[in-house]
């Protein structure tokens, strides 16, 4: 099964945002806005967001100020 276009876009945004293992408030907002853009979070997006939040929780990615 092919991932949805919105899931592919979300994956690209997350990958770009975490390249330096830091996430700014603007990047975080962009990720969340992208996930909610079509008004529906599908299974692929749920998995991506879950992995993203797990990386934040375990310290792999640090939230930083702008």
PDB file of N, CA and C in Angstrom:
ATOM      1  N   UNK A   1       0.840  -1.182   0.000  1.00  0.00           N
ATOM      2  CA  UNK A   1       0.000   0.000   0.000  1.00  0.00           C
ATOM      3  C   UNK A   1       0.882   1.242   0.000  1.00  0.00           C
ATOM      4  N   UNK A   2       0.567   2.169  -0.861  1.00  0.00           N
ATOM      5  CA  UNK A   2       1.342   3.393  -1.018  1.00  0.00           C
ATOM      6  C   UNK A   2       0.924   4.421   0.031  1.00  0.00           C
ATOM      7  N   UNK A   3       1.908   5.089   0.685  1.00  0.00           N
ATOM      8  CA  UNK A   3       1.550   6.123   1.666  1.00  0.00           C
ATOM      9  C   UNK A   3       0.803   7.283   1.002  1.00  0.00           C
ATOM     10  N   UNK A   4      -0.036   7.927   1.773  1.00  0.00           N
ATOM     11  CA  UNK A   4      -0.783   9.068   1.251  1.00  0.00           C
ATOM     12  C   UNK A   4       0.159  10.220   0.939  1.00  0.00           C
ATOM     13  N   UNK A   5      -0.301  11.119   0.074  1.00  0.00           N
ATOM     14  CA  UNK A   5       0.507  12.288  -0.278  1.00  0.00           C
ATOM     15  C   UNK A   5       0.800  13.128   0.956  1.00  0.00           C
ATOM     16  N   UNK A   6      -0.189  13.268   1.831  1.00  0.00           N
ATOM     17  CA  UNK A   6       0.013  14.071   3.039  1.00  0.00           C
ATOM     18  C   UNK A   6       1.024  13.420   3.972  1.00  0.00           C
ATOM     19  N   UNK A   7       1.033  12.086   4.036  1.00  0.00           N
ATOM     20  CA  UNK A   7       2.020  11.393   4.879  1.00  0.00           C
ATOM     21  C   UNK A   7       3.423  11.561   4.311  1.00  0.00           C
ATOM     22  N   UNK A   8       3.552  11.490   2.995  1.00  0.00           N
ATOM     23  CA  UNK A   8       4.854  11.678   2.353  1.00  0.00           C
ATOM     24  C   UNK A   8       5.361  13.094   2.596  1.00  0.00           C
ATOM     25  N   UNK A   9       4.475  14.074   2.494  1.00  0.00           N
ATOM     26  CA  UNK A   9       4.839  15.468   2.747  1.00  0.00           C
ATOM     27  C   UNK A   9       5.255  15.646   4.207  1.00  0.00           C
ATOM     28  N   UNK A  10       4.516  15.052   5.128  1.00  0.00           N
ATOM     29  CA  UNK A  10       4.832  15.144   6.552  1.00  0.00           C
ATOM     30  C   UNK A  10       6.203  14.529   6.833  1.00  0.00           C
ATOM     31  N   UNK A  11       6.485  13.398   6.218  1.00  0.00           N
ATOM     32  CA  UNK A  11       7.782  12.736   6.402  1.00  0.00           C
ATOM     33  C   UNK A  11       8.916  13.649   5.940  1.00  0.00           C
ATOM     34  N   UNK A  12       8.735  14.305   4.795  1.00  0.00           N
ATOM     35  CA  UNK A  12       9.760  15.221   4.287  1.00  0.00           C
ATOM     36  C   UNK A  12       9.984  16.389   5.238  1.00  0.00           C
ATOM     37  N   UNK A  13       8.904  16.948   5.759  1.00  0.00           N
ATOM     38  CA  UNK A  13       9.014  18.086   6.682  1.00  0.00           C
ATOM     39  C   UNK A  13       9.732  17.663   7.964  1.00  0.00           C
ATOM     40  N   UNK A  14       9.375  16.502   8.494  1.00  0.00           N
ATOM     41  CA  UNK A  14      10.022  16.013   9.719  1.00  0.00           C
ATOM     42  C   UNK A  14      11.510  15.776   9.455  1.00  0.00           C
ATOM     43  N   UNK A  15      11.825  15.119   8.350  1.00  0.00           N
ATOM     44  CA  UNK A  15      13.232  14.852   8.033  1.00  0.00           C
ATOM     45  C   UNK A  15      14.039  16.137   7.904  1.00  0.00           C
ATOM     46  N   UNK A  16      13.486  17.134   7.244  1.00  0.00           N
ATOM     47  CA  UNK A  16      14.187  18.418   7.103  1.00  0.00           C
ATOM     48  C   UNK A  16      14.363  19.099   8.453  1.00  0.00           C
ATOM     49  N   UNK A  17      13.359  19.024   9.285  1.00  0.00           N
ATOM     50  CA  UNK A  17      13.399  19.710  10.582  1.00  0.00           C
ATOM     51  C   UNK A  17      14.401  19.066  11.533  1.00  0.00           C
ATOM     52  N   UNK A  18      14.594  17.759  11.440  1.00  0.00           N
ATOM     53  CA  UNK A  18      15.443  17.083  12.421  1.00  0.00           C
ATOM     54  C   UNK A  18      16.857  16.815  11.933  1.00  0.00           C
ATOM     55  N   UNK A  19      17.240  17.358  10.808  1.00  0.00           N
ATOM     56  CA  UNK A  19      18.589  17.129  10.282  1.00  0.00           C
ATOM     57  C   UNK A  19      19.671  17.489  11.288  1.00  0.00           C
ATOM     58  N   UNK A  20      19.453  18.539  12.048  1.00  0.00           N
ATOM     59  CA  UNK A  20      20.453  18.967  13.036  1.00  0.00           C
ATOM     60  C   UNK A  20      20.128  18.459  14.448  1.00  0.00           C
ATOM     61  N   UNK A  21      19.143  17.563  14.538  1.00  0.00           N
ATOM     62  CA  UNK A  21      18.696  16.969  15.811  1.00  0.00           C
ATOM     63  C   UNK A  21      18.160  18.005  16.788  1.00  0.00           C
ATOM     64  N   UNK A  22      17.725  19.122  16.247  1.00  0.00           N
ATOM     65  CA  UNK A  22      17.079  20.173  17.039  1.00  0.00           C
ATOM     66  C   UNK A  22      15.808  20.593  16.323  1.00  0.00           C
ATOM     67  N   UNK A  23      14.824  20.987  17.098  1.00  0.00           N
ATOM     68  CA  UNK A  23      13.555  21.439  16.523  1.00  0.00           C
ATOM     69  C   UNK A  23      13.150  22.753  17.153  1.00  0.00           C
ATOM     70  N   UNK A  24      12.901  23.729  16.325  1.00  0.00           N
ATOM     71  CA  UNK A  24      12.469  25.045  16.801  1.00  0.00           C
ATOM     72  C   UNK A  24      10.946  25.047  16.938  1.00  0.00           C
ATOM     73  N   UNK A  25      10.419  26.011  17.663  1.00  0.00           N
ATOM     74  CA  UNK A  25       8.950  26.111  17.758  1.00  0.00           C
ATOM     75  C   UNK A  25       8.292  26.260  16.382  1.00  0.00           C
ATOM     76  N   UNK A  26       8.947  26.965  15.475  1.00  0.00           N
ATOM     77  CA  UNK A  26       8.406  27.152  14.130  1.00  0.00           C
ATOM     78  C   UNK A  26       8.362  25.827  13.373  1.00  0.00           C
ATOM     79  N   UNK A  27       9.430  25.034  13.495  1.00  0.00           N
ATOM     80  CA  UNK A  27       9.452  23.730  12.834  1.00  0.00           C
ATOM     81  C   UNK A  27       8.391  22.803  13.424  1.00  0.00           C
ATOM     82  N   UNK A  28       8.255  22.832  14.738  1.00  0.00           N
ATOM     83  CA  UNK A  28       7.246  22.008  15.401  1.00  0.00           C
ATOM     84  C   UNK A  28       5.847  22.386  14.900  1.00  0.00           C
ATOM     85  N   UNK A  29       5.582  23.676  14.833  1.00  0.00           N
ATOM     86  CA  UNK A  29       4.278  24.141  14.340  1.00  0.00           C
ATOM     87  C   UNK A  29       4.049  23.716  12.899  1.00  0.00           C
ATOM     88  N   UNK A  30       5.086  23.796  12.090  1.00  0.00           N
ATOM     89  CA  UNK A  30       4.972  23.404  10.682  1.00  0.00           C
ATOM     90  C   UNK A  30       4.626  21.913  10.576  1.00  0.00           C
ATOM     91  N   UNK A  31       5.252  21.093  11.397  1.00  0.00           N
ATOM     92  CA  UNK A  31       4.976  19.659  11.390  1.00  0.00           C
ATOM     93  C   UNK A  31       3.533  19.391  11.795  1.00  0.00           C
ATOM     94  N   UNK A  32       3.097  20.003  12.878  1.00  0.00           N
ATOM     95  CA  UNK A  32       1.735  19.772  13.361  1.00  0.00           C
ATOM     96  C   UNK A  32       0.698  20.325  12.371  1.00  0.00           C
ATOM     97  N   UNK A  33       0.976  21.486  11.797  1.00  0.00           N
ATOM     98  CA  UNK A  33       0.060  22.058  10.801  1.00  0.00           C
ATOM     99  C   UNK A  33      -0.053  21.151   9.582  1.00  0.00           C
ATOM    100  N   UNK A  34       1.073  20.597   9.152  1.00  0.00           N
ATOM    101  CA  UNK A  34       1.070  19.698   8.000  1.00  0.00           C
ATOM    102  C   UNK A  34       0.255  18.446   8.297  1.00  0.00           C
ATOM    103  N   UNK A  35       0.399  17.911   9.491  1.00  0.00           N
ATOM    104  CA  UNK A  35      -0.351  16.703   9.869  1.00  0.00           C
ATOM    105  C   UNK A  35      -1.851  16.968   9.869  1.00  0.00           C
ATOM    106  N   UNK A  36      -2.247  18.162  10.268  1.00  0.00           N
ATOM    107  CA  UNK A  36      -3.671  18.501  10.372  1.00  0.00           C
ATOM    108  C   UNK A  36      -4.224  19.205   9.136  1.00  0.00           C
ATOM    109  N   UNK A  37      -3.394  19.391   8.129  1.00  0.00           N
ATOM    110  CA  UNK A  37      -3.756  20.186   6.960  1.00  0.00           C
ATOM    111  C   UNK A  37      -5.042  19.724   6.270  1.00  0.00           C
ATOM    112  N   UNK A  38      -5.195  18.421   6.108  1.00  0.00           N
ATOM    113  CA  UNK A  38      -6.377  17.922   5.407  1.00  0.00           C
ATOM    114  C   UNK A  38      -7.529  17.573   6.352  1.00  0.00           C
ATOM    115  N   UNK A  39      -7.361  17.887   7.629  1.00  0.00           N
ATOM    116  CA  UNK A  39      -8.420  17.650   8.597  1.00  0.00           C
ATOM    117  C   UNK A  39      -8.535  16.195   9.040  1.00  0.00           C
ATOM    118  N   UNK A  40      -7.586  15.371   8.616  1.00  0.00           N
ATOM    119  CA  UNK A  40      -7.622  13.949   8.966  1.00  0.00           C
ATOM    120  C   UNK A  40      -6.197  13.438   9.121  1.00  0.00           C
ATOM    121  N   UNK A  41      -5.915  12.790  10.226  1.00  0.00           N
ATOM    122  CA  UNK A  41      -4.599  12.188  10.435  1.00  0.00           C
ATOM    123  C   UNK A  41      -4.747  10.696  10.147  1.00  0.00           C
ATOM    124  N   UNK A  42      -4.183  10.274   8.992  1.00  0.00           N
ATOM    125  CA  UNK A  42      -4.306   8.869   8.608  1.00  0.00           C
ATOM    126  C   UNK A  42      -3.272   8.013   9.340  1.00  0.00           C
ATOM    127  N   UNK A  43      -3.305   6.717   9.101  1.00  0.00           N
ATOM    128  CA  UNK A  43      -2.440   5.773   9.828  1.00  0.00           C
ATOM    129  C   UNK A  43      -0.961   6.095   9.633  1.00  0.00           C
ATOM    130  N   UNK A  44      -0.559   6.417   8.400  1.00  0.00           N
ATOM    131  CA  UNK A  44       0.846   6.728   8.138  1.00  0.00           C
ATOM    132  C   UNK A  44       1.288   7.963   8.911  1.00  0.00           C
ATOM    133  N   UNK A  45       0.429   8.971   8.929  1.00  0.00           N
ATOM    134  CA  UNK A  45       0.744  10.191   9.666  1.00  0.00           C
ATOM    135  C   UNK A  45       0.812   9.910  11.164  1.00  0.00           C
ATOM    136  N   UNK A  46      -0.070   9.055  11.675  1.00  0.00           N
ATOM    137  CA  UNK A  46      -0.038   8.698  13.094  1.00  0.00           C
ATOM    138  C   UNK A  46       1.290   8.048  13.460  1.00  0.00           C
ATOM    139  N   UNK A  47       1.776   7.154  12.597  1.00  0.00           N
ATOM    140  CA  UNK A  47       3.046   6.479  12.848  1.00  0.00           C
ATOM    141  C   UNK A  47       4.187   7.491  12.832  1.00  0.00           C
ATOM    142  N   UNK A  48       4.200   8.371  11.830  1.00  0.00           N
ATOM    143  CA  UNK A  48       5.258   9.379  11.739  1.00  0.00           C
ATOM    144  C   UNK A  48       5.265  10.290  12.961  1.00  0.00           C
ATOM    145  N   UNK A  49       4.090  10.739  13.365  1.00  0.00           N
ATOM    146  CA  UNK A  49       4.003  11.618  14.536  1.00  0.00           C
ATOM    147  C   UNK A  49       4.411  10.892  15.807  1.00  0.00           C
ATOM    148  N   UNK A  50       4.046   9.632  15.906  1.00  0.00           N
ATOM    149  CA  UNK A  50       4.426   8.840  17.069  1.00  0.00           C
ATOM    150  C   UNK A  50       5.946   8.697  17.149  1.00  0.00           C
ATOM    151  N   UNK A  51       6.582   8.398  16.029  1.00  0.00           N
ATOM    152  CA  UNK A  51       8.039   8.274  15.998  1.00  0.00           C
ATOM    153  C   UNK A  51       8.702   9.617  16.312  1.00  0.00           C
ATOM    154  N   UNK A  52       8.159  10.679  15.759  1.00  0.00           N
ATOM    155  CA  UNK A  52       8.684  12.022  15.995  1.00  0.00           C
ATOM    156  C   UNK A  52       8.608  12.371  17.486  1.00  0.00           C
ATOM    157  N   UNK A  53       7.446  12.132  18.090  1.00  0.00           N
ATOM    158  CA  UNK A  53       7.286  12.448  19.510  1.00  0.00           C
ATOM    159  C   UNK A  53       8.143  11.541  20.395  1.00  0.00           C
ATOM    160  N   UNK A  54       8.359  10.301  19.971  1.00  0.00           N
ATOM    161  CA  UNK A  54       9.237   9.403  20.719  1.00  0.00           C
ATOM    162  C   UNK A  54      10.672   9.942  20.713  1.00  0.00           C
ATOM    163  N   UNK A  55      11.116  10.468  19.569  1.00  0.00           N
ATOM    164  CA  UNK A  55      12.463  11.040  19.489  1.00  0.00           C
ATOM    165  C   UNK A  55      12.589  12.277  20.368  1.00  0.00           C
ATOM    166  N   UNK A  56      11.526  13.053  20.473  1.00  0.00           N
ATOM    167  CA  UNK A  56      11.528  14.205  21.374  1.00  0.00           C
ATOM    168  C   UNK A  56      11.586  13.735  22.826  1.00  0.00           C
ATOM    169  N   UNK A  57      10.792  12.723  23.145  1.00  0.00           N
ATOM    170  CA  UNK A  57      10.716  12.229  24.522  1.00  0.00           C
ATOM    171  C   UNK A  57      12.016  11.596  25.000  1.00  0.00           C
ATOM    172  N   UNK A  58      12.686  10.850  24.117  1.00  0.00           N
ATOM    173  CA  UNK A  58      13.899  10.163  24.555  1.00  0.00           C
ATOM    174  C   UNK A  58      15.158  11.006  24.387  1.00  0.00           C
ATOM    175  N   UNK A  59      15.009  12.238  23.917  1.00  0.00           N
ATOM    176  CA  UNK A  59      16.146  13.142  23.831  1.00  0.00           C
ATOM    177  C   UNK A  59      16.945  13.075  22.545  1.00  0.00           C
ATOM    178  N   UNK A  60      16.523  12.241  21.595  1.00  0.00           N
ATOM    179  CA  UNK A  60      17.213  12.178  20.305  1.00  0.00           C
ATOM    180  C   UNK A  60      17.148  13.536  19.615  1.00  0.00           C
ATOM    181  N   UNK A  61      15.986  14.158  19.696  1.00  0.00           N
ATOM    182  CA  UNK A  61      15.786  15.499  19.142  1.00  0.00           C
ATOM    183  C   UNK A  61      15.551  16.436  20.309  1.00  0.00           C
ATOM    184  N   UNK A  62      16.207  17.561  20.305  1.00  0.00           N
ATOM    185  CA  UNK A  62      16.051  18.578  21.362  1.00  0.00           C
ATOM    186  C   UNK A  62      15.173  19.709  20.850  1.00  0.00           C
ATOM    187  N   UNK A  63      14.255  20.161  21.678  1.00  0.00           N
ATOM    188  CA  UNK A  63      13.484  21.368  21.352  1.00  0.00           C
ATOM    189  C   UNK A  63      14.309  22.565  21.778  1.00  0.00           C
ATOM    190  N   UNK A  64      14.459  23.502  20.862  1.00  0.00           N
ATOM    191  CA  UNK A  64      15.247  24.707  21.130  1.00  0.00           C
ATOM    192  C   UNK A  64      14.383  25.933  20.850  1.00  0.00           C
ATOM    193  N   UNK A  65      14.825  27.052  21.393  1.00  0.00           N
ATOM    194  CA  UNK A  65      14.160  28.318  21.094  1.00  0.00           C
ATOM    195  C   UNK A  65      14.676  28.807  19.750  1.00  0.00           C
ATOM    196  N   UNK A  66      13.878  29.621  19.091  1.00  0.00           N
ATOM    197  CA  UNK A  66      14.249  30.129  17.766  1.00  0.00           C
ATOM    198  C   UNK A  66      15.583  30.796  17.738  1.00  0.00           C
TER     199      UNK A  66
END
